[in-house]
Amino acid sequence: MDKKDKKRMEVLQQKIAKLQQLLAGAKKQPDDPAEVPRLEKDLAAAHAELATLKKG
């Protein structure tokens, strides 16, 4: 794994943490009904990319 991959993993981990906070807030206060599914989709995509980077 090179520096670029490690940096991308760090960025993804930060993005995942932020998305989890946003998702928790959106579930507590559902102003926009489309926001929760969008955040869940973004979170799943970030997890998938992180898993891909970890594999190889």
PDB file of N, CA and C in Angstrom:
ATOM      1  N   MET A   1       0.840  -1.169   0.000  1.00  0.00           N
ATOM      2  CA  MET A   1       0.000   0.000   0.000  1.00  0.00           C
ATOM      3  C   MET A   1       0.897   1.248   0.000  1.00  0.00           C
ATOM      4  N   ASP A   2       0.642   2.141  -0.926  1.00  0.00           N
ATOM      5  CA  ASP A   2       1.473   3.334  -1.010  1.00  0.00           C
ATOM      6  C   ASP A   2       0.845   4.506  -0.246  1.00  0.00           C
ATOM      7  N   LYS A   3       1.539   5.628  -0.273  1.00  0.00           N
ATOM      8  CA  LYS A   3       1.082   6.799   0.477  1.00  0.00           C
ATOM      9  C   LYS A   3      -0.279   7.283   0.005  1.00  0.00           C
ATOM     10  N   LYS A   4      -0.512   7.194  -1.287  1.00  0.00           N
ATOM     11  CA  LYS A   4      -1.775   7.661  -1.854  1.00  0.00           C
ATOM     12  C   LYS A   4      -2.946   6.836  -1.303  1.00  0.00           C
ATOM     13  N   ASP A   5      -2.775   5.529  -1.247  1.00  0.00           N
ATOM     14  CA  ASP A   5      -3.825   4.658  -0.709  1.00  0.00           C
ATOM     15  C   ASP A   5      -4.063   4.920   0.773  1.00  0.00           C
ATOM     16  N   LYS A   6      -2.987   5.108   1.524  1.00  0.00           N
ATOM     17  CA  LYS A   6      -3.119   5.376   2.961  1.00  0.00           C
ATOM     18  C   LYS A   6      -3.852   6.688   3.193  1.00  0.00           C
ATOM     19  N   LYS A   7      -3.520   7.702   2.402  1.00  0.00           N
ATOM     20  CA  LYS A   7      -4.176   9.004   2.540  1.00  0.00           C
ATOM     21  C   LYS A   7      -5.650   8.880   2.185  1.00  0.00           C
ATOM     22  N   ARG A   8      -5.957   8.131   1.139  1.00  0.00           N
ATOM     23  CA  ARG A   8      -7.357   7.943   0.725  1.00  0.00           C
ATOM     24  C   ARG A   8      -8.137   7.226   1.831  1.00  0.00           C
ATOM     25  N   MET A   9      -7.493   6.259   2.490  1.00  0.00           N
ATOM     26  CA  MET A   9      -8.156   5.543   3.584  1.00  0.00           C
ATOM     27  C   MET A   9      -8.442   6.494   4.745  1.00  0.00           C
ATOM     28  N   GLU A  10      -7.494   7.377   5.063  1.00  0.00           N
ATOM     29  CA  GLU A  10      -7.711   8.351   6.132  1.00  0.00           C
ATOM     30  C   GLU A  10      -8.877   9.273   5.796  1.00  0.00           C
ATOM     31  N   VAL A  11      -8.913   9.743   4.562  1.00  0.00           N
ATOM     32  CA  VAL A  11      -9.984  10.637   4.125  1.00  0.00           C
ATOM     33  C   VAL A  11     -11.335   9.922   4.198  1.00  0.00           C
ATOM     34  N   LEU A  12     -11.365   8.671   3.775  1.00  0.00           N
ATOM     35  CA  LEU A  12     -12.609   7.900   3.817  1.00  0.00           C
ATOM     36  C   LEU A  12     -13.070   7.671   5.255  1.00  0.00           C
ATOM     37  N   GLN A  13     -12.146   7.407   6.151  1.00  0.00           N
ATOM     38  CA  GLN A  13     -12.520   7.202   7.551  1.00  0.00           C
ATOM     39  C   GLN A  13     -13.099   8.482   8.148  1.00  0.00           C
ATOM     40  N   GLN A  14     -12.542   9.625   7.794  1.00  0.00           N
ATOM     41  CA  GLN A  14     -13.081  10.900   8.260  1.00  0.00           C
ATOM     42  C   GLN A  14     -14.457  11.153   7.659  1.00  0.00           C
ATOM     43  N   LYS A  15     -14.614  10.814   6.382  1.00  0.00           N
ATOM     44  CA  LYS A  15     -15.902  10.998   5.707  1.00  0.00           C
ATOM     45  C   LYS A  15     -16.966  10.103   6.340  1.00  0.00           C
ATOM     46  N   ILE A  16     -16.598   8.870   6.658  1.00  0.00           N
ATOM     47  CA  ILE A  16     -17.530   7.934   7.291  1.00  0.00           C
ATOM     48  C   ILE A  16     -17.973   8.467   8.644  1.00  0.00           C
ATOM     49  N   ALA A  17     -17.037   8.974   9.424  1.00  0.00           N
ATOM     50  CA  ALA A  17     -17.379   9.520  10.740  1.00  0.00           C
ATOM     51  C   ALA A  17     -18.345  10.695  10.604  1.00  0.00           C
ATOM     52  N   LYS A  18     -18.083  11.566   9.647  1.00  0.00           N
ATOM     53  CA  LYS A  18     -18.955  12.733   9.428  1.00  0.00           C
ATOM     54  C   LYS A  18     -20.342  12.286   8.967  1.00  0.00           C
ATOM     55  N   LEU A  19     -20.388  11.339   8.036  1.00  0.00           N
ATOM     56  CA  LEU A  19     -21.669  10.853   7.530  1.00  0.00           C
ATOM     57  C   LEU A  19     -22.483  10.180   8.632  1.00  0.00           C
ATOM     58  N   GLN A  20     -21.817   9.453   9.532  1.00  0.00           N
ATOM     59  CA  GLN A  20     -22.529   8.808  10.629  1.00  0.00           C
ATOM     60  C   GLN A  20     -23.160   9.845  11.542  1.00  0.00           C
ATOM     61  N   GLN A  21     -22.443  10.945  11.798  1.00  0.00           N
ATOM     62  CA  GLN A  21     -22.994  12.015  12.627  1.00  0.00           C
ATOM     63  C   GLN A  21     -24.182  12.683  11.940  1.00  0.00           C
ATOM     64  N   LEU A  22     -24.034  12.952  10.643  1.00  0.00           N
ATOM     65  CA  LEU A  22     -25.119  13.569   9.891  1.00  0.00           C
ATOM     66  C   LEU A  22     -26.348  12.660   9.847  1.00  0.00           C
ATOM     67  N   LEU A  23     -26.111  11.375   9.672  1.00  0.00           N
ATOM     68  CA  LEU A  23     -27.205  10.412   9.609  1.00  0.00           C
ATOM     69  C   LEU A  23     -27.945  10.340  10.938  1.00  0.00           C
ATOM     70  N   ALA A  24     -27.211  10.331  12.027  1.00  0.00           N
ATOM     71  CA  ALA A  24     -27.842  10.303  13.351  1.00  0.00           C
ATOM     72  C   ALA A  24     -28.695  11.555  13.557  1.00  0.00           C
ATOM     73  N   GLY A  25     -28.176  12.703  13.157  1.00  0.00           N
ATOM     74  CA  GLY A  25     -28.930  13.944  13.281  1.00  0.00           C
ATOM     75  C   GLY A  25     -30.156  13.956  12.392  1.00  0.00           C
ATOM     76  N   ALA A  26     -30.022  13.428  11.186  1.00  0.00           N
ATOM     77  CA  ALA A  26     -31.150  13.405  10.249  1.00  0.00           C
ATOM     78  C   ALA A  26     -32.247  12.470  10.742  1.00  0.00           C
ATOM     79  N   LYS A  27     -31.866  11.391  11.429  1.00  0.00           N
ATOM     80  CA  LYS A  27     -32.870  10.466  11.959  1.00  0.00           C
ATOM     81  C   LYS A  27     -33.607  11.081  13.144  1.00  0.00           C
ATOM     82  N   LYS A  28     -32.905  11.896  13.936  1.00  0.00           N
ATOM     83  CA  LYS A  28     -33.543  12.544  15.090  1.00  0.00           C
ATOM     84  C   LYS A  28     -34.489  13.652  14.650  1.00  0.00           C
ATOM     85  N   GLN A  29     -34.116  14.367  13.597  1.00  0.00           N
ATOM     86  CA  GLN A  29     -34.920  15.485  13.129  1.00  0.00           C
ATOM     87  C   GLN A  29     -35.127  15.343  11.616  1.00  0.00           C
ATOM     88  N   PRO A  30     -36.126  14.574  11.218  1.00  0.00           N
ATOM     89  CA  PRO A  30     -36.333  14.299   9.789  1.00  0.00           C
ATOM     90  C   PRO A  30     -37.008  15.462   9.042  1.00  0.00           C
ATOM     91  N   ASP A  31     -36.238  16.508   8.736  1.00  0.00           N
ATOM     92  CA  ASP A  31     -36.776  17.645   7.989  1.00  0.00           C
ATOM     93  C   ASP A  31     -37.020  17.275   6.528  1.00  0.00           C
ATOM     94  N   ASP A  32     -36.049  16.594   5.943  1.00  0.00           N
ATOM     95  CA  ASP A  32     -36.118  16.203   4.532  1.00  0.00           C
ATOM     96  C   ASP A  32     -36.205  14.677   4.460  1.00  0.00           C
ATOM     97  N   PRO A  33     -37.325  14.150   3.984  1.00  0.00           N
ATOM     98  CA  PRO A  33     -37.461  12.679   3.952  1.00  0.00           C
ATOM     99  C   PRO A  33     -36.471  11.978   3.022  1.00  0.00           C
ATOM    100  N   ALA A  34     -35.914  12.682   2.064  1.00  0.00           N
ATOM    101  CA  ALA A  34     -34.967  12.069   1.136  1.00  0.00           C
ATOM    102  C   ALA A  34     -33.537  12.085   1.682  1.00  0.00           C
ATOM    103  N   GLU A  35     -33.311  12.803   2.767  1.00  0.00           N
ATOM    104  CA  GLU A  35     -31.948  12.955   3.281  1.00  0.00           C
ATOM    105  C   GLU A  35     -31.414  11.659   3.899  1.00  0.00           C
ATOM    106  N   VAL A  36     -32.222  10.966   4.681  1.00  0.00           N
ATOM    107  CA  VAL A  36     -31.759   9.744   5.351  1.00  0.00           C
ATOM    108  C   VAL A  36     -31.332   8.678   4.337  1.00  0.00           C
ATOM    109  N   PRO A  37     -32.157   8.371   3.332  1.00  0.00           N
ATOM    110  CA  PRO A  37     -31.698   7.365   2.353  1.00  0.00           C
ATOM    111  C   PRO A  37     -30.441   7.802   1.590  1.00  0.00           C
ATOM    112  N   ARG A  38     -30.328   9.089   1.301  1.00  0.00           N
ATOM    113  CA  ARG A  38     -29.148   9.587   0.588  1.00  0.00           C
ATOM    114  C   ARG A  38     -27.893   9.423   1.448  1.00  0.00           C
ATOM    115  N   LEU A  39     -27.999   9.766   2.722  1.00  0.00           N
ATOM    116  CA  LEU A  39     -26.860   9.619   3.624  1.00  0.00           C
ATOM    117  C   LEU A  39     -26.484   8.148   3.797  1.00  0.00           C
ATOM    118  N   GLU A  40     -27.492   7.282   3.899  1.00  0.00           N
ATOM    119  CA  GLU A  40     -27.217   5.846   4.022  1.00  0.00           C
ATOM    120  C   GLU A  40     -26.506   5.324   2.778  1.00  0.00           C
ATOM    121  N   LYS A  41     -26.925   5.801   1.601  1.00  0.00           N
ATOM    122  CA  LYS A  41     -26.296   5.381   0.349  1.00  0.00           C
ATOM    123  C   LYS A  41     -24.846   5.861   0.293  1.00  0.00           C
ATOM    124  N   ASP A  42     -24.616   7.121   0.666  1.00  0.00           N
ATOM    125  CA  ASP A  42     -23.258   7.666   0.673  1.00  0.00           C
ATOM    126  C   ASP A  42     -22.368   6.915   1.661  1.00  0.00           C
ATOM    127  N   LEU A  43     -22.927   6.589   2.818  1.00  0.00           N
ATOM    128  CA  LEU A  43     -22.184   5.863   3.845  1.00  0.00           C
ATOM    129  C   LEU A  43     -21.810   4.462   3.352  1.00  0.00           C
ATOM    130  N   ALA A  44     -22.741   3.793   2.700  1.00  0.00           N
ATOM    131  CA  ALA A  44     -22.470   2.461   2.165  1.00  0.00           C
ATOM    132  C   ALA A  44     -21.394   2.510   1.084  1.00  0.00           C
ATOM    133  N   ALA A  45     -21.434   3.537   0.251  1.00  0.00           N
ATOM    134  CA  ALA A  45     -20.439   3.680  -0.804  1.00  0.00           C
ATOM    135  C   ALA A  45     -19.044   3.923  -0.208  1.00  0.00           C
ATOM    136  N   ALA A  46     -18.973   4.731   0.826  1.00  0.00           N
ATOM    137  CA  ALA A  46     -17.691   5.004   1.477  1.00  0.00           C
ATOM    138  C   ALA A  46     -17.141   3.739   2.133  1.00  0.00           C
ATOM    139  N   HIS A  47     -18.022   2.964   2.776  1.00  0.00           N
ATOM    140  CA  HIS A  47     -17.586   1.705   3.388  1.00  0.00           C
ATOM    141  C   HIS A  47     -17.086   0.731   2.316  1.00  0.00           C
ATOM    142  N   ALA A  48     -17.783   0.678   1.185  1.00  0.00           N
ATOM    143  CA  ALA A  48     -17.381  -0.227   0.111  1.00  0.00           C
ATOM    144  C   ALA A  48     -16.023   0.163  -0.457  1.00  0.00           C
ATOM    145  N   GLU A  49     -15.795   1.457  -0.656  1.00  0.00           N
ATOM    146  CA  GLU A  49     -14.505   1.903  -1.183  1.00  0.00           C
ATOM    147  C   GLU A  49     -13.383   1.625  -0.191  1.00  0.00           C
ATOM    148  N   LEU A  50     -13.664   1.822   1.086  1.00  0.00           N
ATOM    149  CA  LEU A  50     -12.666   1.548   2.122  1.00  0.00           C
ATOM    150  C   LEU A  50     -12.318   0.056   2.147  1.00  0.00           C
ATOM    151  N   ALA A  51     -13.326  -0.787   2.025  1.00  0.00           N
ATOM    152  CA  ALA A  51     -13.086  -2.234   1.997  1.00  0.00           C
ATOM    153  C   ALA A  51     -12.248  -2.624   0.781  1.00  0.00           C
ATOM    154  N   THR A  52     -12.525  -2.000  -0.357  1.00  0.00           N
ATOM    155  CA  THR A  52     -11.765  -2.270  -1.577  1.00  0.00           C
ATOM    156  C   THR A  52     -10.295  -1.887  -1.390  1.00  0.00           C
ATOM    157  N   LEU A  53     -10.056  -0.739  -0.766  1.00  0.00           N
ATOM    158  CA  LEU A  53      -8.678  -0.306  -0.531  1.00  0.00           C
ATOM    159  C   LEU A  53      -7.955  -1.232   0.431  1.00  0.00           C
ATOM    160  N   LYS A  54      -8.665  -1.720   1.438  1.00  0.00           N
ATOM    161  CA  LYS A  54      -8.031  -2.611   2.413  1.00  0.00           C
ATOM    162  C   LYS A  54      -7.657  -3.950   1.792  1.00  0.00           C
ATOM    163  N   LYS A  55      -8.462  -4.418   0.831  1.00  0.00           N
ATOM    164  CA  LYS A  55      -8.189  -5.703   0.194  1.00  0.00           C
ATOM    165  C   LYS A  55      -6.944  -5.647  -0.678  1.00  0.00           C
ATOM    166  N   GLY A  56      -6.750  -4.544  -1.336  1.00  0.00           N
ATOM    167  CA  GLY A  56      -5.570  -4.583  -2.127  1.00  0.00           C
ATOM    168  C   GLY A  56      -5.335  -3.458  -3.009  1.00  0.00           C
TER     169      GLY A  56
END
